[in-house]
Amino acid sequence: MAEPKDMWQCQTANCGYIYNPDKGDRKGKIPPGVKFEDLPEDWKCPVCGAGKHLFKRLA
């Protein structure tokens, strides 16, 4: 199970999606095991479409 320090949360209003590297992002075709830091720079939140710069590490 991923540690909170490895999870990132979307900071846009009305979202709060948490990227968990253990799950990846099916919608974005990101397989499990990919760290947030290794996501492509053009990756977007699968819920609201926010860019990586609007995410904050959980811990």
Protein backbone atom coordinates (compact mmCIF):
# COMPACT_ATOMS: atom_id res chain seq x y z
CA MET A 1 0.00 0.00 0.00
CA ALA A 2 1.33 3.43 -0.94
CA GLU A 3 2.44 5.73 1.84
CA PRO A 4 0.76 9.15 2.15
CA LYS A 5 4.06 10.78 1.09
CA ASP A 6 3.69 9.00 -2.26
CA MET A 7 0.13 10.23 -2.86
CA TRP A 8 -0.83 13.62 -4.28
CA GLN A 9 -4.18 15.42 -3.99
CA CYS A 10 -5.79 17.77 -6.51
CA GLN A 11 -6.22 21.19 -4.90
CA THR A 12 -8.91 22.61 -7.19
CA ALA A 13 -12.26 23.55 -5.69
CA ASN A 14 -14.82 20.73 -5.80
CA CYS A 15 -12.31 18.00 -6.69
CA GLY A 16 -9.91 16.46 -4.14
CA TYR A 17 -8.91 13.50 -6.36
CA ILE A 18 -5.94 11.64 -4.87
CA TYR A 19 -3.38 10.13 -7.23
CA ASN A 20 -2.29 6.80 -5.75
CA PRO A 21 0.70 5.18 -7.49
CA ASP A 22 -0.55 1.73 -6.42
CA LYS A 23 -3.62 2.29 -8.61
CA GLY A 24 -2.28 4.48 -11.41
CA ASP A 25 -4.86 6.24 -13.59
CA ARG A 26 -6.94 3.97 -15.80
CA LYS A 27 -8.60 6.90 -17.60
CA GLY A 28 -5.21 8.44 -18.39
CA LYS A 29 -3.73 5.02 -19.30
CA ILE A 30 -1.18 5.26 -16.48
CA PRO A 31 -0.42 1.76 -15.15
CA PRO A 32 -0.10 0.97 -11.44
CA GLY A 33 3.37 1.61 -10.04
CA VAL A 34 4.02 4.98 -11.74
CA LYS A 35 5.12 7.63 -9.23
CA PHE A 36 3.49 11.07 -9.46
CA GLU A 37 6.88 12.59 -10.27
CA ASP A 38 7.16 10.26 -13.28
CA LEU A 39 3.78 11.17 -14.78
CA PRO A 40 4.04 13.01 -18.12
CA GLU A 41 4.09 16.80 -17.73
CA ASP A 42 0.86 17.03 -19.74
CA TRP A 43 -1.00 14.56 -17.46
CA LYS A 44 -4.33 15.89 -16.20
CA CYS A 45 -6.53 15.03 -13.21
CA PRO A 46 -9.00 12.37 -14.40
CA VAL A 47 -11.82 14.03 -12.46
CA CYS A 48 -11.50 17.77 -13.18
CA GLY A 49 -8.75 18.09 -15.79
CA ALA A 50 -6.33 20.10 -13.59
CA GLY A 51 -2.62 19.98 -14.42
CA LYS A 52 0.08 18.46 -12.22
CA HIS A 53 1.00 21.89 -10.83
CA LEU A 54 -2.34 21.99 -8.99
CA PHE A 55 -1.55 18.87 -6.94
CA LYS A 56 -0.05 18.80 -3.46
CA ARG A 57 1.69 15.93 -1.68
CA LEU A 58 -0.50 14.43 1.08
CA ALA A 59 2.25 14.19 3.69
